[in-house]
Structure formats: C-alpha cells, structure tokens
PDB file of N, CA and C in Angstrom:
ATOM      1  N   MET A   1      99.261 189.681  43.745  1.00  0.00           N
ATOM      2  CA  MET A   1     100.265 190.686  43.475  1.00  0.00           C
ATOM      3  C   MET A   1     100.095 191.152  42.030  1.00  0.00           C
ATOM      4  N   ILE A   2      99.745 192.416  41.880  1.00  0.00           N
ATOM      5  CA  ILE A   2      99.545 192.922  40.521  1.00  0.00           C
ATOM      6  C   ILE A   2     100.142 194.304  40.300  1.00  0.00           C
ATOM      7  N   THR A   3     100.545 194.992  41.363  1.00  0.00           N
ATOM      8  CA  THR A   3     101.120 196.319  41.171  1.00  0.00           C
ATOM      9  C   THR A   3     102.570 196.197  40.729  1.00  0.00           C
ATOM     10  N   SER A   4     103.003 197.141  39.931  1.00  0.00           N
ATOM     11  CA  SER A   4     104.367 197.120  39.421  1.00  0.00           C
ATOM     12  C   SER A   4     105.214 198.101  40.222  1.00  0.00           C
ATOM     13  N   THR A   5     105.755 197.625  41.329  1.00  0.00           N
ATOM     14  CA  THR A   5     106.630 198.453  42.146  1.00  0.00           C
ATOM     15  C   THR A   5     108.015 197.833  42.164  1.00  0.00           C
ATOM     16  N   GLY A   6     108.997 198.610  42.524  1.00  0.00           N
ATOM     17  CA  GLY A   6     110.353 198.096  42.621  1.00  0.00           C
ATOM     18  C   GLY A   6     111.311 198.844  41.710  1.00  0.00           C
ATOM     19  N   THR A   7     112.578 198.540  41.879  1.00  0.00           N
ATOM     20  CA  THR A   7     113.633 199.150  41.088  1.00  0.00           C
ATOM     21  C   THR A   7     113.810 198.373  39.792  1.00  0.00           C
ATOM     22  N   THR A   8     113.897 199.078  38.698  1.00  0.00           N
ATOM     23  CA  THR A   8     113.932 198.483  37.359  1.00  0.00           C
ATOM     24  C   THR A   8     114.870 197.283  37.261  1.00  0.00           C
ATOM     25  N   GLU A   9     116.112 197.433  37.670  1.00  0.00           N
ATOM     26  CA  GLU A   9     117.117 196.395  37.462  1.00  0.00           C
ATOM     27  C   GLU A   9     116.904 195.148  38.313  1.00  0.00           C
ATOM     28  N   TYR A  10     116.053 195.234  39.340  1.00  0.00           N
ATOM     29  CA  TYR A  10     115.822 194.105  40.239  1.00  0.00           C
ATOM     30  C   TYR A  10     114.493 193.406  39.957  1.00  0.00           C
ATOM     31  N   LYS A  11     113.687 193.950  39.071  1.00  0.00           N
ATOM     32  CA  LYS A  11     112.387 193.369  38.763  1.00  0.00           C
ATOM     33  C   LYS A  11     112.536 192.119  37.906  1.00  0.00           C
ATOM     34  N   ALA A  12     111.723 191.125  38.210  1.00  0.00           N
ATOM     35  CA  ALA A  12     111.713 189.874  37.451  1.00  0.00           C
ATOM     36  C   ALA A  12     111.006 190.070  36.114  1.00  0.00           C
ATOM     37  N   PRO A  13     111.323 189.242  35.129  1.00  0.00           N
ATOM     38  CA  PRO A  13     110.716 189.387  33.799  1.00  0.00           C
ATOM     39  C   PRO A  13     109.193 189.394  33.836  1.00  0.00           C
ATOM     40  N   GLU A  14     108.603 188.557  34.682  1.00  0.00           N
ATOM     41  CA  GLU A  14     107.147 188.470  34.715  1.00  0.00           C
ATOM     42  C   GLU A  14     106.488 189.780  35.144  1.00  0.00           C
ATOM     43  N   MET A  15     107.216 190.637  35.819  1.00  0.00           N
ATOM     44  CA  MET A  15     106.659 191.933  36.211  1.00  0.00           C
ATOM     45  C   MET A  15     106.509 192.850  35.003  1.00  0.00           C
ATOM     46  N   TYR A  16     107.333 192.646  33.993  1.00  0.00           N
ATOM     47  CA  TYR A  16     107.254 193.463  32.774  1.00  0.00           C
ATOM     48  C   TYR A  16     106.275 192.881  31.766  1.00  0.00           C
ATOM     49  N   GLU A  17     105.919 191.628  31.963  1.00  0.00           N
ATOM     50  CA  GLU A  17     105.003 190.974  31.032  1.00  0.00           C
ATOM     51  C   GLU A  17     103.548 191.249  31.371  1.00  0.00           C
ATOM     52  N   GLY A  18     103.298 191.884  32.499  1.00  0.00           N
ATOM     53  CA  GLY A  18     101.942 192.221  32.895  1.00  0.00           C
ATOM     54  C   GLY A  18     101.262 191.069  33.607  1.00  0.00           C
ATOM     55  N   GLY A  19     100.141 191.375  34.205  1.00  0.00           N
ATOM     56  CA  GLY A  19      99.392 190.349  34.923  1.00  0.00           C
ATOM     57  C   GLY A  19      99.922 190.127  36.319  1.00  0.00           C
ATOM     58  N   LYS A  20      99.488 189.034  36.918  1.00  0.00           N
ATOM     59  CA  LYS A  20      99.865 188.710  38.284  1.00  0.00           C
ATOM     60  C   LYS A  20     101.242 188.061  38.343  1.00  0.00           C
ATOM     61  N   TYR A  21     101.854 188.173  39.509  1.00  0.00           N
ATOM     62  CA  TYR A  21     103.128 187.513  39.763  1.00  0.00           C
ATOM     63  C   TYR A  21     103.114 187.016  41.194  1.00  0.00           C
ATOM     64  N   THR A  22     104.103 186.216  41.555  1.00  0.00           N
ATOM     65  CA  THR A  22     104.153 185.618  42.889  1.00  0.00           C
ATOM     66  C   THR A  22     105.384 186.098  43.648  1.00  0.00           C
ATOM     67  N   GLU A  23     105.541 185.573  44.840  1.00  0.00           N
ATOM     68  CA  GLU A  23     106.715 185.909  45.655  1.00  0.00           C
ATOM     69  C   GLU A  23     108.004 185.412  45.019  1.00  0.00           C
ATOM     70  N   SER A  24     107.913 184.657  43.943  1.00  0.00           N
ATOM     71  CA  SER A  24     109.096 184.199  43.216  1.00  0.00           C
ATOM     72  C   SER A  24     109.934 185.368  42.703  1.00  0.00           C
ATOM     73  N   ILE A  25     109.317 186.537  42.588  1.00  0.00           N
ATOM     74  CA  ILE A  25     110.083 187.718  42.168  1.00  0.00           C
ATOM     75  C   ILE A  25     111.199 188.037  43.151  1.00  0.00           C
ATOM     76  N   ASP A  26     110.998 187.670  44.418  1.00  0.00           N
ATOM     77  CA  ASP A  26     112.031 187.916  45.424  1.00  0.00           C
ATOM     78  C   ASP A  26     113.247 187.020  45.213  1.00  0.00           C
ATOM     79  N   LEU A  27     113.018 185.818  44.692  1.00  0.00           N
ATOM     80  CA  LEU A  27     114.138 184.924  44.387  1.00  0.00           C
ATOM     81  C   LEU A  27     114.924 185.459  43.206  1.00  0.00           C
ATOM     82  N   TRP A  28     114.222 186.030  42.239  1.00  0.00           N
ATOM     83  CA  TRP A  28     114.893 186.685  41.112  1.00  0.00           C
ATOM     84  C   TRP A  28     115.784 187.813  41.641  1.00  0.00           C
ATOM     85  N   ALA A  29     115.228 188.661  42.495  1.00  0.00           N
ATOM     86  CA  ALA A  29     115.985 189.789  43.044  1.00  0.00           C
ATOM     87  C   ALA A  29     117.199 189.292  43.836  1.00  0.00           C
ATOM     88  N   THR A  30     117.058 188.160  44.493  1.00  0.00           N
ATOM     89  CA  THR A  30     118.188 187.566  45.212  1.00  0.00           C
ATOM     90  C   THR A  30     119.299 187.197  44.229  1.00  0.00           C
ATOM     91  N   GLY A  31     118.923 186.671  43.077  1.00  0.00           N
ATOM     92  CA  GLY A  31     119.909 186.363  42.036  1.00  0.00           C
ATOM     93  C   GLY A  31     120.603 187.613  41.535  1.00  0.00           C
ATOM     94  N   VAL A  32     119.843 188.687  41.376  1.00  0.00           N
ATOM     95  CA  VAL A  32     120.431 189.957  40.936  1.00  0.00           C
ATOM     96  C   VAL A  32     121.437 190.445  41.977  1.00  0.00           C
ATOM     97  N   VAL A  33     121.081 190.347  43.250  1.00  0.00           N
ATOM     98  CA  VAL A  33     121.982 190.790  44.322  1.00  0.00           C
ATOM     99  C   VAL A  33     123.232 189.914  44.376  1.00  0.00           C
ATOM    100  N   LEU A  34     123.074 188.601  44.214  1.00  0.00           N
ATOM    101  CA  LEU A  34     124.235 187.705  44.187  1.00  0.00           C
ATOM    102  C   LEU A  34     125.181 188.095  43.057  1.00  0.00           C
ATOM    103  N   TYR A  35     124.639 188.305  41.880  1.00  0.00           N
ATOM    104  CA  TYR A  35     125.444 188.729  40.732  1.00  0.00           C
ATOM    105  C   TYR A  35     126.148 190.055  41.048  1.00  0.00           C
ATOM    106  N   GLU A  36     125.405 190.997  41.596  1.00  0.00           N
ATOM    107  CA  GLU A  36     125.959 192.327  41.889  1.00  0.00           C
ATOM    108  C   GLU A  36     127.081 192.251  42.925  1.00  0.00           C
ATOM    109  N   MET A  37     126.941 191.382  43.906  1.00  0.00           N
ATOM    110  CA  MET A  37     127.992 191.250  44.918  1.00  0.00           C
ATOM    111  C   MET A  37     129.277 190.696  44.316  1.00  0.00           C
ATOM    112  N   VAL A  38     129.147 189.769  43.375  1.00  0.00           N
ATOM    113  CA  VAL A  38     130.323 189.163  42.758  1.00  0.00           C
ATOM    114  C   VAL A  38     130.931 190.083  41.702  1.00  0.00           C
ATOM    115  N   GLU A  39     130.091 190.595  40.826  1.00  0.00           N
ATOM    116  CA  GLU A  39     130.563 191.386  39.681  1.00  0.00           C
ATOM    117  C   GLU A  39     130.778 192.872  39.992  1.00  0.00           C
ATOM    118  N   ARG A  40     130.155 193.344  41.055  1.00  0.00           N
ATOM    119  CA  ARG A  40     130.175 194.774  41.412  1.00  0.00           C
ATOM    120  C   ARG A  40     129.505 195.638  40.352  1.00  0.00           C
ATOM    121  N   ARG A  41     128.518 195.035  39.705  1.00  0.00           N
ATOM    122  CA  ARG A  41     127.674 195.734  38.739  1.00  0.00           C
ATOM    123  C   ARG A  41     126.397 194.923  38.598  1.00  0.00           C
ATOM    124  N   LEU A  42     125.377 195.554  38.069  1.00  0.00           N
ATOM    125  CA  LEU A  42     124.097 194.879  37.883  1.00  0.00           C
ATOM    126  C   LEU A  42     124.102 194.046  36.601  1.00  0.00           C
ATOM    127  N   PRO A  43     123.442 192.893  36.595  1.00  0.00           N
ATOM    128  CA  PRO A  43     123.507 192.009  35.435  1.00  0.00           C
ATOM    129  C   PRO A  43     122.788 192.518  34.193  1.00  0.00           C
ATOM    130  N   PHE A  44     121.744 193.313  34.363  1.00  0.00           N
ATOM    131  CA  PHE A  44     120.920 193.700  33.223  1.00  0.00           C
ATOM    132  C   PHE A  44     120.966 195.201  32.932  1.00  0.00           C
ATOM    133  N   SER A  45     121.814 195.927  33.603  1.00  0.00           N
ATOM    134  CA  SER A  45     121.882 197.381  33.442  1.00  0.00           C
ATOM    135  C   SER A  45     122.524 197.762  32.110  1.00  0.00           C
ATOM    136  N   LYS A  46     121.808 198.555  31.368  1.00  0.00           N
ATOM    137  CA  LYS A  46     122.283 199.055  30.079  1.00  0.00           C
ATOM    138  C   LYS A  46     122.194 200.578  30.091  1.00  0.00           C
ATOM    139  N   GLU A  47     122.715 201.195  29.060  1.00  0.00           N
ATOM    140  CA  GLU A  47     122.700 202.657  28.976  1.00  0.00           C
ATOM    141  C   GLU A  47     121.273 203.202  28.942  1.00  0.00           C
ATOM    142  N   TYR A  48     120.397 202.521  28.220  1.00  0.00           N
ATOM    143  CA  TYR A  48     119.016 202.984  28.077  1.00  0.00           C
ATOM    144  C   TYR A  48     118.076 202.044  28.823  1.00  0.00           C
ATOM    145  N   LEU A  49     117.082 202.609  29.485  1.00  0.00           N
ATOM    146  CA  LEU A  49     116.125 201.860  30.277  1.00  0.00           C
ATOM    147  C   LEU A  49     115.452 200.752  29.472  1.00  0.00           C
ATOM    148  N   ASN A  50     115.023 201.055  28.260  1.00  0.00           N
ATOM    149  CA  ASN A  50     114.358 200.039  27.429  1.00  0.00           C
ATOM    150  C   ASN A  50     115.281 198.861  27.141  1.00  0.00           C
ATOM    151  N   ASP A  51     116.573 199.120  26.964  1.00  0.00           N
ATOM    152  CA  ASP A  51     117.531 198.041  26.724  1.00  0.00           C
ATOM    153  C   ASP A  51     117.709 197.179  27.981  1.00  0.00           C
ATOM    154  N   SER A  52     117.687 197.812  29.143  1.00  0.00           N
ATOM    155  CA  SER A  52     117.771 197.064  30.404  1.00  0.00           C
ATOM    156  C   SER A  52     116.573 196.145  30.557  1.00  0.00           C
ATOM    157  N   ILE A  53     115.398 196.665  30.294  1.00  0.00           N
ATOM    158  CA  ILE A  53     114.181 195.868  30.398  1.00  0.00           C
ATOM    159  C   ILE A  53     114.211 194.711  29.399  1.00  0.00           C
ATOM    160  N   GLN A  54     114.679 194.967  28.194  1.00  0.00           N
ATOM    161  CA  GLN A  54     114.762 193.906  27.188  1.00  0.00           C
ATOM    162  C   GLN A  54     115.728 192.812  27.627  1.00  0.00           C
ATOM    163  N   SER A  55     116.842 193.192  28.236  1.00  0.00           N
ATOM    164  CA  SER A  55     117.802 192.202  28.742  1.00  0.00           C
ATOM    165  C   SER A  55     117.177 191.348  29.840  1.00  0.00           C
ATOM    166  N   ILE A  56     116.377 191.971  30.681  1.00  0.00           N
ATOM    167  CA  ILE A  56     115.678 191.229  31.735  1.00  0.00           C
ATOM    168  C   ILE A  56     114.693 190.251  31.107  1.00  0.00           C
ATOM    169  N   LEU A  57     113.911 190.717  30.160  1.00  0.00           N
ATOM    170  CA  LEU A  57     112.921 189.856  29.509  1.00  0.00           C
ATOM    171  C   LEU A  57     113.573 188.666  28.808  1.00  0.00           C
ATOM    172  N   GLU A  58     114.736 188.889  28.235  1.00  0.00           N
ATOM    173  CA  GLU A  58     115.468 187.819  27.542  1.00  0.00           C
ATOM    174  C   GLU A  58     116.384 187.029  28.479  1.00  0.00           C
ATOM    175  N   ILE A  59     116.482 187.490  29.721  1.00  0.00           N
ATOM    176  CA  ILE A  59     117.396 186.924  30.717  1.00  0.00           C
ATOM    177  C   ILE A  59     118.788 186.807  30.107  1.00  0.00           C
ATOM    178  N   LYS A  60     119.245 187.936  29.626  1.00  0.00           N
ATOM    179  CA  LYS A  60     120.523 188.011  28.922  1.00  0.00           C
ATOM    180  C   LYS A  60     121.522 188.811  29.768  1.00  0.00           C
ATOM    181  N   TYR A  61     122.521 188.102  30.301  1.00  0.00           N
ATOM    182  CA  TYR A  61     123.567 188.746  31.093  1.00  0.00           C
ATOM    183  C   TYR A  61     124.888 188.039  30.820  1.00  0.00           C
ATOM    184  N   VAL A  62     125.974 188.696  31.162  1.00  0.00           N
ATOM    185  CA  VAL A  62     127.310 188.161  30.909  1.00  0.00           C
ATOM    186  C   VAL A  62     128.004 187.930  32.243  1.00  0.00           C
ATOM    187  N   GLU A  63     128.584 186.767  32.377  1.00  0.00           N
ATOM    188  CA  GLU A  63     129.379 186.468  33.565  1.00  0.00           C
ATOM    189  C   GLU A  63     130.838 186.777  33.270  1.00  0.00           C
ATOM    190  N   GLY A  64     131.426 187.626  34.090  1.00  0.00           N
ATOM    191  CA  GLY A  64     132.820 187.999  33.912  1.00  0.00           C
ATOM    192  C   GLY A  64     133.773 186.949  34.460  1.00  0.00           C
ATOM    193  N   GLN A  65     135.041 187.187  34.268  1.00  0.00           N
ATOM    194  CA  GLN A  65     136.096 186.273  34.719  1.00  0.00           C
ATOM    195  C   GLN A  65     136.080 186.069  36.235  1.00  0.00           C
ATOM    196  N   VAL A  66     135.553 187.023  36.973  1.00  0.00           N
ATOM    197  CA  VAL A  66     135.542 186.935  38.432  1.00  0.00           C
ATOM    198  C   VAL A  66     134.830 185.677  38.923  1.00  0.00           C
ATOM    199  N   TRP A  67     133.883 185.158  38.134  1.00  0.00           N
ATOM    200  CA  TRP A  67     133.171 183.944  38.523  1.00  0.00           C
ATOM    201  C   TRP A  67     134.100 182.736  38.579  1.00  0.00           C
ATOM    202  N   ASN A  68     135.244 182.807  37.914  1.00  0.00           N
ATOM    203  CA  ASN A  68     136.202 181.710  37.971  1.00  0.00           C
ATOM    204  C   ASN A  68     136.766 181.522  39.377  1.00  0.00           C
ATOM    205  N   ASP A  69     136.670 182.571  40.201  1.00  0.00           N
ATOM    206  CA  ASP A  69     137.148 182.502  41.576  1.00  0.00           C
ATOM    207  C   ASP A  69     136.114 181.913  42.525  1.00  0.00           C
ATOM    208  N   PHE A  70     134.927 181.629  42.012  1.00  0.00           N
ATOM    209  CA  PHE A  70     133.849 181.104  42.835  1.00  0.00           C
ATOM    210  C   PHE A  70     133.576 179.647  42.475  1.00  0.00           C
ATOM    211  N   SER A  71     133.016 178.935  43.411  1.00  0.00           N
ATOM    212  CA  SER A  71     132.742 177.516  43.185  1.00  0.00           C
ATOM    213  C   SER A  71     131.640 177.313  42.154  1.00  0.00           C
ATOM    214  N   ARG A  72     131.595 176.110  41.641  1.00  0.00           N
ATOM    215  CA  ARG A  72     130.548 175.718  40.695  1.00  0.00           C
ATOM    216  C   ARG A  72     129.182 175.843  41.360  1.00  0.00           C
ATOM    217  N   GLN A  73     129.104 175.590  42.667  1.00  0.00           N
ATOM    218  CA  GLN A  73     127.841 175.674  43.390  1.00  0.00           C
ATOM    219  C   GLN A  73     127.309 177.101  43.450  1.00  0.00           C
ATOM    220  N   ALA A  74     128.201 178.089  43.564  1.00  0.00           N
ATOM    221  CA  ALA A  74     127.773 179.490  43.577  1.00  0.00           C
ATOM    222  C   ALA A  74     127.196 179.879  42.220  1.00  0.00           C
ATOM    223  N   ARG A  75     127.874 179.474  41.191  1.00  0.00           N
ATOM    224  CA  ARG A  75     127.415 179.773  39.821  1.00  0.00           C
ATOM    225  C   ARG A  75     126.095 179.054  39.530  1.00  0.00           C
ATOM    226  N   ASP A  76     125.962 177.832  40.012  1.00  0.00           N
ATOM    227  CA  ASP A  76     124.726 177.074  39.832  1.00  0.00           C
ATOM    228  C   ASP A  76     123.559 177.781  40.518  1.00  0.00           C
ATOM    229  N   LEU A  77     123.779 178.279  41.706  1.00  0.00           N
ATOM    230  CA  LEU A  77     122.719 179.007  42.415  1.00  0.00           C
ATOM    231  C   LEU A  77     122.293 180.228  41.607  1.00  0.00           C
ATOM    232  N   LEU A  78     123.236 180.968  41.091  1.00  0.00           N
ATOM    233  CA  LEU A  78     122.916 182.130  40.260  1.00  0.00           C
ATOM    234  C   LEU A  78     122.042 181.719  39.081  1.00  0.00           C
ATOM    235  N   HIS A  79     122.441 180.675  38.374  1.00  0.00           N
ATOM    236  CA  HIS A  79     121.692 180.222  37.194  1.00  0.00           C
ATOM    237  C   HIS A  79     120.292 179.745  37.551  1.00  0.00           C
ATOM    238  N   ARG A  80     120.132 179.192  38.734  1.00  0.00           N
ATOM    239  CA  ARG A  80     118.828 178.677  39.138  1.00  0.00           C
ATOM    240  C   ARG A  80     117.915 179.769  39.692  1.00  0.00           C
ATOM    241  N   LEU A  81     118.474 180.922  39.991  1.00  0.00           N
ATOM    242  CA  LEU A  81     117.667 182.073  40.431  1.00  0.00           C
ATOM    243  C   LEU A  81     117.306 182.979  39.258  1.00  0.00           C
ATOM    244  N   LEU A  82     118.246 183.201  38.348  1.00  0.00           N
ATOM    245  CA  LEU A  82     117.995 184.082  37.197  1.00  0.00           C
ATOM    246  C   LEU A  82     117.529 183.243  36.004  1.00  0.00           C
ATOM    247  N   ARG A  83     116.329 182.761  36.109  1.00  0.00           N
ATOM    248  CA  ARG A  83     115.715 181.972  35.032  1.00  0.00           C
ATOM    249  C   ARG A  83     114.218 182.237  35.028  1.00  0.00           C
ATOM    250  N   PRO A  84     113.516 181.774  33.994  1.00  0.00           N
ATOM    251  CA  PRO A  84     112.073 182.008  33.932  1.00  0.00           C
ATOM    252  C   PRO A  84     111.366 181.483  35.179  1.00  0.00           C
ATOM    253  N   VAL A  85     110.295 182.129  35.545  1.00  0.00           N
ATOM    254  CA  VAL A  85     109.574 181.799  36.771  1.00  0.00           C
ATOM    255  C   VAL A  85     109.178 180.330  36.832  1.00  0.00           C
ATOM    256  N   SER A  86     108.874 179.728  35.717  1.00  0.00           N
ATOM    257  CA  SER A  86     108.449 178.326  35.709  1.00  0.00           C
ATOM    258  C   SER A  86     109.570 177.372  36.117  1.00  0.00           C
ATOM    259  N   ASN A  87     110.815 177.814  36.016  1.00  0.00           N
ATOM    260  CA  ASN A  87     111.969 176.973  36.358  1.00  0.00           C
ATOM    261  C   ASN A  87     112.797 177.534  37.512  1.00  0.00           C
ATOM    262  N   ARG A  88     112.382 178.641  38.067  1.00  0.00           N
ATOM    263  CA  ARG A  88     113.148 179.300  39.130  1.00  0.00           C
ATOM    264  C   ARG A  88     113.009 178.541  40.444  1.00  0.00           C
ATOM    265  N   LEU A  89     114.058 178.570  41.239  1.00  0.00           N
ATOM    266  CA  LEU A  89     114.015 177.956  42.562  1.00  0.00           C
ATOM    267  C   LEU A  89     112.951 178.613  43.436  1.00  0.00           C
ATOM    268  N   SER A  90     112.361 177.823  44.308  1.00  0.00           N
ATOM    269  CA  SER A  90     111.497 178.371  45.345  1.00  0.00           C
ATOM    270  C   SER A  90     112.405 178.790  46.508  1.00  0.00           C
ATOM    271  N   ALA A  91     111.849 179.483  47.468  1.00  0.00           N
ATOM    272  CA  ALA A  91     112.640 179.892  48.632  1.00  0.00           C
ATOM    273  C   ALA A  91     113.162 178.661  49.374  1.00  0.00           C
ATOM    274  N   GLU A  92     112.317 177.649  49.511  1.00  0.00           N
ATOM    275  CA  GLU A  92     112.715 176.429  50.204  1.00  0.00           C
ATOM    276  C   GLU A  92     113.863 175.736  49.469  1.00  0.00           C
ATOM    277  N   GLU A  93     113.776 175.682  48.149  1.00  0.00           N
ATOM    278  CA  GLU A  93     114.840 175.056  47.352  1.00  0.00           C
ATOM    279  C   GLU A  93     116.129 175.867  47.428  1.00  0.00           C
ATOM    280  N   ALA A  94     116.007 177.182  47.371  1.00  0.00           N
ATOM    281  CA  ALA A  94     117.199 178.036  47.428  1.00  0.00           C
ATOM    282  C   ALA A  94     117.939 177.858  48.747  1.00  0.00           C
ATOM    283  N   LEU A  95     117.201 177.721  49.834  1.00  0.00           N
ATOM    284  CA  LEU A  95     117.834 177.540  51.144  1.00  0.00           C
ATOM    285  C   LEU A  95     118.563 176.200  51.254  1.00  0.00           C
ATOM    286  N   LYS A  96     118.253 175.273  50.365  1.00  0.00           N
ATOM    287  CA  LYS A  96     118.921 173.973  50.347  1.00  0.00           C
ATOM    288  C   LYS A  96     120.035 173.903  49.300  1.00  0.00           C
ATOM    289  N   ALA A  97     120.331 175.020  48.662  1.00  0.00           N
ATOM    290  CA  ALA A  97     121.368 175.051  47.631  1.00  0.00           C
ATOM    291  C   ALA A  97     122.711 174.647  48.244  1.00  0.00           C
ATOM    292  N   PRO A  98     123.450 173.769  47.567  1.00  0.00           N
ATOM    293  CA  PRO A  98     124.736 173.308  48.104  1.00  0.00           C
ATOM    294  C   PRO A  98     125.684 174.437  48.500  1.00  0.00           C
ATOM    295  N   TRP A  99     125.708 175.510  47.739  1.00  0.00           N
ATOM    296  CA  TRP A  99     126.621 176.608  48.066  1.00  0.00           C
ATOM    297  C   TRP A  99     126.289 177.225  49.419  1.00  0.00           C
ATOM    298  N   LEU A 100     125.007 177.305  49.742  1.00  0.00           N
ATOM    299  CA  LEU A 100     124.621 177.864  51.041  1.00  0.00           C
ATOM    300  C   LEU A 100     124.830 176.873  52.178  1.00  0.00           C
ATOM    301  N   LEU A 101     124.807 175.604  51.862  1.00  0.00           N
ATOM    302  CA  LEU A 101     124.923 174.573  52.900  1.00  0.00           C
ATOM    303  C   LEU A 101     126.347 174.083  53.112  1.00  0.00           C
ATOM    304  N   CYS A 102     127.281 174.473  52.243  1.00  0.00           N
ATOM    305  CA  CYS A 102     128.624 173.899  52.290  1.00  0.00           C
ATOM    306  C   CYS A 102     129.338 174.185  53.604  1.00  0.00           C
ATOM    307  N   GLY A 103     129.081 175.321  54.222  1.00  0.00           N
ATOM    308  CA  GLY A 103     129.662 175.631  55.511  1.00  0.00           C
ATOM    309  C   GLY A 103     131.160 175.856  55.495  1.00  0.00           C
ATOM    310  N   SER A 104     131.770 175.921  54.325  1.00  0.00           N
ATOM    311  CA  SER A 104     133.217 176.152  54.273  1.00  0.00           C
ATOM    312  C   SER A 104     133.499 177.602  53.923  1.00  0.00           C
ATOM    313  N   PRO A 105     134.672 178.094  54.246  1.00  0.00           N
ATOM    314  CA  PRO A 105     135.006 179.483  53.935  1.00  0.00           C
ATOM    315  C   PRO A 105     135.307 179.712  52.455  1.00  0.00           C
ATOM    316  N   SER A 106     135.295 178.641  51.648  1.00  0.00           N
ATOM    317  CA  SER A 106     135.603 178.819  50.231  1.00  0.00           C
ATOM    318  C   SER A 106     134.457 179.534  49.525  1.00  0.00           C
ATOM    319  N   LEU A 107     134.800 180.173  48.433  1.00  0.00           N
ATOM    320  CA  LEU A 107     133.803 180.911  47.670  1.00  0.00           C
ATOM    321  C   LEU A 107     133.021 179.936  46.836  1.00  0.00           C
TER     322      LEU A 107
END
C-alpha cells in the first residue's frame, strides 16, 4: 500500500509521513469514526487543512465532556485506536476490546 487516497480527516499519520502503510490505517479510521459518533465532530478537523494534518501527525485531539457519559472501556478503545501505528490495536485485538464484548446496553 503506497498510494495516498482517502479523506483528509480519516487518514492515519503514517499516510502523511510517506512510504508504505498497512491495513492498520483502517483501525485508525475506526477510531476517528468512534470519536465522531460520540462527539458529533471530527477529532482532528481544524480551520486550515495544514493544521488538520499537523493535528493528525501529532495525534492531538480533545475529548469533550460527552465522554463522561461513556464507559471507561469505550474511552480505552478510542485511545488504543488513535495512537501511533507501532502501538495501535490490530483488527483481531480491537474485536476483543471489552467495550465491544460487554454485551450490555450501557455506553
């Protein structure tokens, strides 16, 4: 995988650093979608495109008060998806995340 395709705000940091990347970018995008569903906004979106990209590269985002309504397991999953590729969850690990396995109606 070497082509740079995708929507700016959903791209993983390694896509902006150049070179090859793996399917781990999809786990990053899953973290972005999780954040967006909770916050109703994108985690790295800024007024200027370059600032958005810089926030992605620095993995710099703010969690709002709405996260207080969600379990620690949901927040943990977010943190384990939106991190550098070397420490990011694999698809197999993400599917075993306690928040996904809890089976309860709680957030």
